[in-house]
Every structure is written in structure tokens, then in C-alpha cells.
């Protein structure tokens, strides 16, 4: 397969009617734009990853870039306002690289519910939900080797 950059012109982003226009747009020319960092996860199977993250985490698919056979090569997802990407890329997945160097911390109002949903849908518990250092947190690893902590502060900053 040619590099993703060379093939990107052949892909078509799919828009989803359940998302508002303001949820999809990132207008970097807007004076109110704030820089953000969005994880880009390498996975061995784009279709399986998209299915897992929407089912297990409740992520909303914002766009996808399928190949000519309809399989997902790249997708952008969101957990609330937090966006992340996945890309089918065997060579740079955690399994291919022999481990992880980053883990995601998802700050939500109900970390216990998110944690339970992830485990019920195929994530593996790494650290059970617990209170420590002013946070309620628990960690899972997804089927693709990425680690996710679901957390909320126990005492909100003033």
C-alpha cells in the first residue's frame, strides 16, 4: 500500500447528521481558537478499533477515511469535546513497538461508569477504580495495547 499521505486525496470524509456543525469545525483562523493536542493512535485493524471505541467508550465518530474497499484507514472520534484519531498502522502499534510510551487520561463526571462500560466491552482492567492523590481513577488497556485512565478530581479546584 502507498503511504497514507499519497492516498489521502482518494478518501472521502463522511459527515454524520447527529453532530452539530460547531462540534465538527476546528477553525484555526478564529481569534478564539485554542491550541489542542489530539492523540493519534496506531492500531492493527481500523474497523475493529472504530467499533471498539464507539461501543466500549461511547466515542462519537466525527469522520473517517476509508480505503478503496471501504475499510477504515483513519478516523477521528470524540469523547465529549476531547478528540482523538486512529490509524490502521501495524508498524507503529504498541504491539509492534513492544509497549507503550503514552497513556490517555479521560476526565469525566462518572469515571466508574466509563470504566465499567470499557471493561464490559472488551477492555482489560489494569488498575481498579480507586481514590488516590485527590482523584477517583482507574485504568484499562484496550485490545490494541493503548492504556486509558478514567478519572475525576475528588475536590474541584476553586
N, C-alpha and C. Protein backbone atom coordinates (compact mmCIF):
# COMPACT_ATOMS: atom_id res chain seq x y z
N UNK A 1 0.85 -1.18 0.00
CA UNK A 1 0.00 0.00 0.00
C UNK A 1 0.89 1.24 0.00
N UNK A 2 0.51 2.24 -0.77
CA UNK A 2 1.25 3.50 -0.80
C UNK A 2 1.09 4.20 0.54
N UNK A 3 1.92 5.22 0.79
CA UNK A 3 1.82 5.94 2.05
C UNK A 3 0.45 6.59 2.15
N UNK A 4 0.01 6.78 3.39
CA UNK A 4 -1.29 7.40 3.62
C UNK A 4 -1.34 8.79 3.00
N UNK A 5 -0.25 9.54 3.13
CA UNK A 5 -0.22 10.90 2.58
C UNK A 5 -0.46 10.90 1.08
N UNK A 6 0.07 9.91 0.37
CA UNK A 6 -0.10 9.84 -1.07
C UNK A 6 -1.52 9.48 -1.46
N UNK A 7 -2.21 8.74 -0.59
CA UNK A 7 -3.55 8.26 -0.91
C UNK A 7 -4.67 9.13 -0.35
N UNK A 8 -4.35 10.09 0.51
CA UNK A 8 -5.37 10.83 1.22
C UNK A 8 -6.38 11.50 0.27
N UNK A 9 -5.94 11.91 -0.90
CA UNK A 9 -6.84 12.54 -1.85
C UNK A 9 -7.94 11.62 -2.35
N UNK A 10 -7.74 10.31 -2.25
CA UNK A 10 -8.76 9.35 -2.70
C UNK A 10 -9.84 9.12 -1.66
N UNK A 11 -9.60 9.53 -0.44
CA UNK A 11 -10.54 9.26 0.63
C UNK A 11 -11.60 10.35 0.71
N UNK A 12 -12.74 9.98 1.22
CA UNK A 12 -13.83 10.92 1.38
C UNK A 12 -14.26 10.92 2.83
N UNK A 13 -14.24 12.08 3.46
CA UNK A 13 -14.72 12.18 4.84
C UNK A 13 -16.24 12.04 4.83
N UNK A 14 -16.76 11.30 5.77
CA UNK A 14 -18.19 11.09 5.89
C UNK A 14 -18.70 11.96 7.04
N UNK A 15 -19.72 12.76 6.79
CA UNK A 15 -20.30 13.59 7.83
C UNK A 15 -21.47 12.85 8.46
N UNK A 16 -21.67 13.09 9.74
CA UNK A 16 -22.72 12.41 10.47
C UNK A 16 -23.76 13.41 10.95
N UNK A 17 -25.04 13.15 10.65
CA UNK A 17 -26.10 14.11 10.94
C UNK A 17 -26.34 14.33 12.43
N UNK A 18 -25.87 13.43 13.32
CA UNK A 18 -26.11 13.62 14.75
C UNK A 18 -25.13 14.59 15.38
N UNK A 19 -24.20 15.15 14.62
CA UNK A 19 -23.24 16.12 15.14
C UNK A 19 -23.58 17.51 14.62
N UNK A 20 -23.52 18.47 15.53
CA UNK A 20 -23.75 19.86 15.13
C UNK A 20 -22.53 20.36 14.38
N UNK A 21 -22.72 21.33 13.52
CA UNK A 21 -21.63 21.92 12.74
C UNK A 21 -20.52 22.45 13.64
N UNK A 22 -20.91 23.10 14.77
CA UNK A 22 -19.90 23.67 15.67
C UNK A 22 -19.09 22.60 16.39
N UNK A 23 -19.61 21.37 16.48
CA UNK A 23 -18.86 20.28 17.10
C UNK A 23 -17.81 19.72 16.15
N UNK A 24 -18.02 19.87 14.86
CA UNK A 24 -17.09 19.30 13.89
C UNK A 24 -16.00 20.28 13.47
N UNK A 25 -16.29 21.56 13.51
CA UNK A 25 -15.36 22.54 12.97
C UNK A 25 -14.25 22.87 13.94
N UNK A 26 -13.02 22.90 13.43
CA UNK A 26 -11.87 23.42 14.17
C UNK A 26 -11.33 24.56 13.33
N UNK A 27 -11.75 25.77 13.62
CA UNK A 27 -11.36 26.92 12.82
C UNK A 27 -10.10 27.55 13.41
N UNK A 28 -8.94 27.14 12.91
CA UNK A 28 -7.68 27.65 13.45
C UNK A 28 -7.48 29.12 13.12
N UNK A 29 -8.25 29.68 12.20
CA UNK A 29 -8.17 31.09 11.88
C UNK A 29 -8.99 31.96 12.81
N UNK A 30 -9.84 31.33 13.63
CA UNK A 30 -10.69 32.04 14.58
C UNK A 30 -9.83 32.65 15.69
N UNK A 31 -10.08 33.90 16.04
CA UNK A 31 -9.31 34.57 17.09
C UNK A 31 -9.46 33.87 18.43
N UNK A 32 -10.55 33.11 18.63
CA UNK A 32 -10.78 32.40 19.89
C UNK A 32 -10.25 30.97 19.88
N UNK A 33 -9.61 30.57 18.79
CA UNK A 33 -9.08 29.21 18.70
C UNK A 33 -8.02 28.99 19.76
N UNK A 34 -8.09 27.87 20.44
CA UNK A 34 -7.09 27.48 21.43
C UNK A 34 -6.40 26.24 20.91
N UNK A 35 -5.09 26.22 20.99
CA UNK A 35 -4.34 25.04 20.55
C UNK A 35 -4.79 23.82 21.35
N UNK A 36 -4.71 22.67 20.74
CA UNK A 36 -5.08 21.44 21.43
C UNK A 36 -4.16 20.32 20.97
N UNK A 37 -4.11 19.29 21.76
CA UNK A 37 -3.35 18.09 21.39
C UNK A 37 -4.36 16.96 21.29
N UNK A 38 -4.34 16.25 20.18
CA UNK A 38 -5.24 15.12 19.98
C UNK A 38 -4.40 13.87 19.74
N UNK A 39 -4.52 12.86 20.59
CA UNK A 39 -3.77 11.63 20.37
C UNK A 39 -4.09 11.01 19.02
N UNK A 40 -3.08 10.43 18.38
CA UNK A 40 -3.23 9.72 17.11
C UNK A 40 -2.77 8.30 17.39
N UNK A 41 -3.72 7.38 17.50
CA UNK A 41 -3.43 6.01 17.91
C UNK A 41 -3.20 5.10 16.71
N UNK A 42 -2.10 4.39 16.71
CA UNK A 42 -1.84 3.39 15.67
C UNK A 42 -2.44 2.07 16.12
N UNK A 43 -3.21 1.45 15.22
CA UNK A 43 -3.89 0.19 15.51
C UNK A 43 -3.70 -0.77 14.34
N UNK A 44 -3.74 -2.08 14.60
CA UNK A 44 -3.56 -3.03 13.51
C UNK A 44 -4.80 -3.20 12.62
N UNK A 45 -5.99 -2.82 13.12
CA UNK A 45 -7.24 -3.02 12.39
C UNK A 45 -8.15 -1.82 12.63
N UNK A 46 -8.26 -0.94 11.64
CA UNK A 46 -9.05 0.28 11.78
C UNK A 46 -10.52 0.01 12.03
N UNK A 47 -11.10 -0.98 11.34
CA UNK A 47 -12.51 -1.30 11.53
C UNK A 47 -12.78 -1.77 12.95
N UNK A 48 -11.95 -2.67 13.45
CA UNK A 48 -12.12 -3.20 14.81
C UNK A 48 -11.93 -2.10 15.85
N UNK A 49 -10.96 -1.21 15.63
CA UNK A 49 -10.71 -0.13 16.58
C UNK A 49 -11.89 0.84 16.62
N UNK A 50 -12.41 1.23 15.46
CA UNK A 50 -13.55 2.13 15.42
C UNK A 50 -14.74 1.51 16.14
N UNK A 51 -15.00 0.24 15.90
CA UNK A 51 -16.09 -0.46 16.58
C UNK A 51 -15.87 -0.47 18.09
N UNK A 52 -14.66 -0.81 18.52
CA UNK A 52 -14.37 -0.88 19.95
C UNK A 52 -14.56 0.46 20.64
N UNK A 53 -13.95 1.53 20.12
CA UNK A 53 -14.01 2.83 20.79
C UNK A 53 -15.42 3.40 20.84
N UNK A 54 -16.23 3.17 19.81
CA UNK A 54 -17.60 3.67 19.86
C UNK A 54 -18.44 2.84 20.82
N UNK A 55 -18.25 1.54 20.84
CA UNK A 55 -19.03 0.64 21.69
C UNK A 55 -18.56 0.71 23.15
N UNK A 56 -17.27 0.58 23.39
CA UNK A 56 -16.75 0.45 24.75
C UNK A 56 -16.58 1.78 25.46
N UNK A 57 -16.25 2.85 24.74
CA UNK A 57 -16.02 4.14 25.37
C UNK A 57 -17.16 5.12 25.11
N UNK A 58 -18.07 4.78 24.20
CA UNK A 58 -19.12 5.72 23.84
C UNK A 58 -18.61 6.88 22.99
N UNK A 59 -17.47 6.68 22.33
CA UNK A 59 -16.91 7.72 21.47
C UNK A 59 -17.85 7.95 20.28
N UNK A 60 -17.85 9.18 19.81
CA UNK A 60 -18.64 9.55 18.64
C UNK A 60 -17.68 9.69 17.46
N UNK A 61 -18.02 9.04 16.38
CA UNK A 61 -17.20 9.14 15.17
C UNK A 61 -17.48 10.48 14.49
N UNK A 62 -16.44 11.27 14.27
CA UNK A 62 -16.59 12.57 13.61
C UNK A 62 -16.35 12.47 12.11
N UNK A 63 -15.35 11.68 11.73
CA UNK A 63 -15.09 11.47 10.31
C UNK A 63 -14.27 10.20 10.14
N UNK A 64 -14.29 9.70 8.91
CA UNK A 64 -13.50 8.52 8.60
C UNK A 64 -12.92 8.65 7.20
N UNK A 65 -11.79 7.99 7.03
CA UNK A 65 -11.13 7.94 5.73
C UNK A 65 -10.97 6.47 5.37
N UNK A 66 -11.90 5.93 4.60
CA UNK A 66 -11.81 4.52 4.22
C UNK A 66 -10.91 4.33 3.00
N UNK A 67 -10.39 3.11 2.84
CA UNK A 67 -9.63 2.81 1.63
C UNK A 67 -10.61 2.46 0.52
N UNK A 68 -10.09 2.06 -0.63
CA UNK A 68 -10.94 1.79 -1.79
C UNK A 68 -11.89 0.62 -1.58
N UNK A 69 -11.62 -0.24 -0.57
CA UNK A 69 -12.50 -1.37 -0.29
C UNK A 69 -13.49 -1.07 0.83
N UNK A 70 -13.43 0.16 1.39
CA UNK A 70 -14.35 0.55 2.43
C UNK A 70 -13.86 0.32 3.85
N UNK A 71 -12.65 -0.20 4.01
CA UNK A 71 -12.11 -0.42 5.35
C UNK A 71 -11.52 0.88 5.91
N UNK A 72 -11.68 1.09 7.21
CA UNK A 72 -11.24 2.32 7.86
C UNK A 72 -9.71 2.35 7.93
N UNK A 73 -9.13 3.40 7.39
CA UNK A 73 -7.68 3.61 7.47
C UNK A 73 -7.41 4.66 8.54
N UNK A 74 -8.21 5.72 8.58
CA UNK A 74 -8.09 6.79 9.56
C UNK A 74 -9.49 7.19 10.00
N UNK A 75 -9.65 7.49 11.29
CA UNK A 75 -10.93 8.01 11.78
C UNK A 75 -10.65 9.01 12.90
N UNK A 76 -11.50 10.03 12.98
CA UNK A 76 -11.45 10.98 14.08
C UNK A 76 -12.66 10.72 14.96
N UNK A 77 -12.43 10.63 16.27
CA UNK A 77 -13.50 10.37 17.22
C UNK A 77 -13.47 11.41 18.32
N UNK A 78 -14.53 11.45 19.12
CA UNK A 78 -14.59 12.38 20.25
C UNK A 78 -15.24 11.72 21.44
N UNK A 79 -14.71 12.06 22.61
CA UNK A 79 -15.32 11.74 23.90
C UNK A 79 -15.69 13.10 24.48
N UNK A 80 -16.93 13.48 24.36
CA UNK A 80 -17.31 14.85 24.71
C UNK A 80 -16.61 15.80 23.76
N UNK A 81 -15.89 16.78 24.30
CA UNK A 81 -15.14 17.72 23.46
C UNK A 81 -13.71 17.25 23.20
N UNK A 82 -13.30 16.14 23.78
CA UNK A 82 -11.94 15.63 23.60
C UNK A 82 -11.88 14.76 22.34
N UNK A 83 -11.03 15.16 21.41
CA UNK A 83 -10.91 14.44 20.14
C UNK A 83 -9.68 13.56 20.13
N UNK A 84 -9.78 12.45 19.38
CA UNK A 84 -8.61 11.63 19.13
C UNK A 84 -8.77 10.95 17.78
N UNK A 85 -7.66 10.45 17.28
CA UNK A 85 -7.62 9.84 15.96
C UNK A 85 -7.14 8.40 16.08
N UNK A 86 -7.53 7.58 15.12
CA UNK A 86 -6.93 6.26 15.00
C UNK A 86 -6.50 6.08 13.55
N UNK A 87 -5.46 5.30 13.37
CA UNK A 87 -4.96 4.99 12.04
C UNK A 87 -4.55 3.53 12.00
N UNK A 88 -4.99 2.84 10.97
CA UNK A 88 -4.55 1.46 10.78
C UNK A 88 -3.08 1.51 10.36
N UNK A 89 -2.22 1.02 11.24
CA UNK A 89 -0.78 1.09 11.01
C UNK A 89 -0.10 0.03 11.87
N UNK A 90 0.08 -1.15 11.31
CA UNK A 90 0.70 -2.25 12.05
C UNK A 90 2.09 -1.91 12.56
N UNK A 91 2.85 -1.17 11.79
CA UNK A 91 4.26 -0.93 12.11
C UNK A 91 4.48 -0.06 13.34
N UNK A 92 3.52 0.78 13.71
CA UNK A 92 3.74 1.64 14.87
C UNK A 92 2.71 1.43 15.98
N UNK A 93 2.03 0.29 15.96
CA UNK A 93 1.10 -0.03 17.04
C UNK A 93 1.89 -0.45 18.27
N UNK A 94 1.31 -0.36 19.47
CA UNK A 94 2.03 -0.77 20.67
C UNK A 94 2.59 -2.18 20.59
N UNK A 95 1.86 -3.11 19.99
CA UNK A 95 2.35 -4.49 19.88
C UNK A 95 3.61 -4.55 19.02
N UNK A 96 3.64 -3.80 17.93
CA UNK A 96 4.81 -3.82 17.05
C UNK A 96 6.02 -3.16 17.70
N UNK A 97 5.76 -2.15 18.54
CA UNK A 97 6.85 -1.41 19.17
C UNK A 97 7.27 -2.00 20.52
N UNK A 98 6.56 -3.04 20.96
CA UNK A 98 6.92 -3.70 22.21
C UNK A 98 6.46 -2.99 23.47
N UNK A 99 5.45 -2.15 23.38
CA UNK A 99 4.92 -1.49 24.57
C UNK A 99 4.36 -0.13 24.25
N UNK A 100 4.11 0.63 25.30
CA UNK A 100 3.51 1.96 25.15
C UNK A 100 4.45 3.03 25.69
N UNK A 101 4.27 4.24 25.23
CA UNK A 101 5.03 5.36 25.78
C UNK A 101 4.11 6.46 26.29
N UNK A 102 2.82 6.35 26.01
CA UNK A 102 1.83 7.36 26.40
C UNK A 102 0.58 6.64 26.85
N UNK A 103 -0.11 7.21 27.83
CA UNK A 103 -1.45 6.71 28.15
C UNK A 103 -2.39 7.90 28.23
N UNK A 104 -3.63 7.67 27.89
CA UNK A 104 -4.63 8.72 27.86
C UNK A 104 -5.33 8.80 29.21
N UNK A 105 -5.59 10.01 29.67
CA UNK A 105 -6.39 10.23 30.88
C UNK A 105 -7.65 10.96 30.44
N UNK A 106 -8.79 10.29 30.63
CA UNK A 106 -10.08 10.83 30.21
C UNK A 106 -10.78 11.34 31.47
N UNK A 107 -10.91 12.65 31.59
CA UNK A 107 -11.52 13.25 32.77
C UNK A 107 -13.01 13.42 32.49
N UNK A 108 -13.82 12.72 33.28
CA UNK A 108 -15.27 12.68 33.09
C UNK A 108 -15.97 12.79 34.44
N UNK A 109 -17.26 13.09 34.42
CA UNK A 109 -18.04 13.18 35.67
C UNK A 109 -18.25 11.81 36.31
N UNK A 110 -18.34 10.76 35.51
CA UNK A 110 -18.64 9.42 36.01
C UNK A 110 -17.56 8.42 35.57
N UNK A 111 -16.37 8.47 36.16
CA UNK A 111 -15.32 7.56 35.73
C UNK A 111 -15.67 6.09 35.98
N UNK A 112 -16.42 5.82 37.06
CA UNK A 112 -16.79 4.43 37.35
C UNK A 112 -17.65 3.86 36.23
N UNK A 113 -18.59 4.66 35.73
CA UNK A 113 -19.46 4.20 34.64
C UNK A 113 -18.69 3.98 33.35
N UNK A 114 -17.78 4.91 33.03
CA UNK A 114 -16.97 4.75 31.82
C UNK A 114 -16.05 3.54 31.94
N UNK A 115 -15.45 3.37 33.09
CA UNK A 115 -14.57 2.23 33.35
C UNK A 115 -15.33 0.91 33.16
N UNK A 116 -16.49 0.81 33.81
CA UNK A 116 -17.30 -0.41 33.72
C UNK A 116 -17.72 -0.70 32.28
N UNK A 117 -18.12 0.33 31.55
CA UNK A 117 -18.53 0.15 30.15
C UNK A 117 -17.36 -0.37 29.32
N UNK A 118 -16.17 0.21 29.52
CA UNK A 118 -15.00 -0.22 28.76
C UNK A 118 -14.68 -1.69 29.03
N UNK A 119 -14.68 -2.08 30.30
CA UNK A 119 -14.38 -3.47 30.66
C UNK A 119 -15.45 -4.42 30.12
N UNK A 120 -16.71 -4.02 30.21
CA UNK A 120 -17.81 -4.86 29.71
C UNK A 120 -17.73 -5.08 28.21
N UNK A 121 -17.03 -4.17 27.50
CA UNK A 121 -16.96 -4.27 26.05
C UNK A 121 -15.58 -4.66 25.53
N UNK A 122 -14.76 -5.26 26.39
CA UNK A 122 -13.52 -5.85 25.90
C UNK A 122 -12.22 -5.24 26.37
N UNK A 123 -12.26 -4.13 27.12
CA UNK A 123 -11.02 -3.58 27.69
C UNK A 123 -10.61 -4.45 28.87
N UNK A 124 -9.32 -4.48 29.18
CA UNK A 124 -8.80 -5.25 30.30
C UNK A 124 -8.42 -4.31 31.43
N UNK A 125 -8.87 -4.62 32.63
CA UNK A 125 -8.55 -3.81 33.79
C UNK A 125 -7.07 -3.87 34.10
N UNK A 126 -6.44 -2.72 34.28
CA UNK A 126 -5.05 -2.64 34.71
C UNK A 126 -5.03 -2.23 36.18
N UNK A 127 -5.78 -1.20 36.53
CA UNK A 127 -5.91 -0.74 37.92
C UNK A 127 -7.39 -0.47 38.17
N UNK A 128 -7.94 -1.09 39.22
CA UNK A 128 -9.35 -0.91 39.53
C UNK A 128 -9.62 0.54 39.93
N UNK A 129 -10.88 0.92 39.91
CA UNK A 129 -11.27 2.26 40.33
C UNK A 129 -10.89 2.43 41.80
N UNK A 130 -10.25 3.58 42.10
CA UNK A 130 -9.80 3.85 43.46
C UNK A 130 -9.61 5.36 43.65
N UNK A 131 -9.51 5.76 44.90
CA UNK A 131 -9.24 7.15 45.24
C UNK A 131 -7.78 7.28 45.64
N UNK A 132 -7.07 8.21 45.01
CA UNK A 132 -5.66 8.44 45.36
C UNK A 132 -5.25 9.83 44.91
N UNK A 133 -4.50 10.51 45.74
CA UNK A 133 -3.91 11.81 45.41
C UNK A 133 -4.95 12.82 44.92
N UNK A 134 -6.14 12.76 45.51
CA UNK A 134 -7.18 13.73 45.17
C UNK A 134 -7.99 13.40 43.92
N UNK A 135 -7.84 12.19 43.41
CA UNK A 135 -8.55 11.78 42.19
C UNK A 135 -9.25 10.44 42.41
N UNK A 136 -10.35 10.25 41.72
CA UNK A 136 -11.01 8.95 41.58
C UNK A 136 -10.58 8.48 40.20
N UNK A 137 -9.91 7.34 40.11
CA UNK A 137 -9.34 6.91 38.83
C UNK A 137 -9.24 5.40 38.73
N UNK A 138 -9.21 4.91 37.51
CA UNK A 138 -8.98 3.50 37.20
C UNK A 138 -8.44 3.41 35.80
N UNK A 139 -7.67 2.35 35.52
CA UNK A 139 -7.01 2.25 34.21
C UNK A 139 -7.34 0.93 33.53
N UNK A 140 -7.55 1.01 32.20
CA UNK A 140 -7.77 -0.16 31.36
C UNK A 140 -6.79 -0.12 30.20
N UNK A 141 -6.62 -1.28 29.58
CA UNK A 141 -5.88 -1.34 28.31
C UNK A 141 -6.87 -1.83 27.26
N UNK A 142 -6.88 -1.17 26.11
CA UNK A 142 -7.80 -1.58 25.06
C UNK A 142 -7.21 -2.77 24.29
N UNK A 143 -7.98 -3.40 23.40
CA UNK A 143 -7.48 -4.56 22.67
C UNK A 143 -6.29 -4.27 21.75
N UNK A 144 -5.95 -3.00 21.57
CA UNK A 144 -4.87 -2.63 20.66
C UNK A 144 -3.61 -2.22 21.41
N UNK A 145 -3.65 -2.32 22.76
CA UNK A 145 -2.48 -2.05 23.59
C UNK A 145 -2.37 -0.64 24.14
N UNK A 146 -3.38 0.22 23.91
CA UNK A 146 -3.35 1.58 24.43
C UNK A 146 -3.97 1.62 25.82
N UNK A 147 -3.36 2.37 26.74
CA UNK A 147 -3.84 2.48 28.11
C UNK A 147 -4.67 3.74 28.29
N UNK A 148 -5.79 3.60 29.02
CA UNK A 148 -6.74 4.69 29.23
C UNK A 148 -7.08 4.74 30.72
N UNK A 149 -6.97 5.93 31.32
CA UNK A 149 -7.44 6.14 32.68
C UNK A 149 -8.70 6.97 32.63
N UNK A 150 -9.71 6.53 33.37
CA UNK A 150 -10.94 7.30 33.52
C UNK A 150 -10.89 7.92 34.90
N UNK A 151 -11.03 9.23 35.00
CA UNK A 151 -10.79 9.90 36.27
C UNK A 151 -11.67 11.13 36.46
N UNK A 152 -11.78 11.54 37.72
CA UNK A 152 -12.40 12.81 38.09
C UNK A 152 -11.72 13.29 39.35
N UNK A 153 -11.54 14.62 39.49
CA UNK A 153 -10.96 15.11 40.74
C UNK A 153 -11.97 14.93 41.88
N UNK A 154 -11.45 14.55 43.06
CA UNK A 154 -12.33 14.37 44.23
C UNK A 154 -12.73 15.72 44.81
N UNK A 155 -11.85 16.69 44.75
CA UNK A 155 -12.13 18.05 45.21
C UNK A 155 -11.86 18.97 44.03
N UNK A 156 -12.87 19.65 43.58
CA UNK A 156 -12.72 20.52 42.42
C UNK A 156 -11.98 21.79 42.81
N UNK A 157 -11.08 22.22 41.93
CA UNK A 157 -10.30 23.45 42.18
C UNK A 157 -11.23 24.64 42.27
N UNK A 158 -10.83 25.59 43.08
CA UNK A 158 -11.64 26.81 43.23
C UNK A 158 -11.21 27.88 42.30
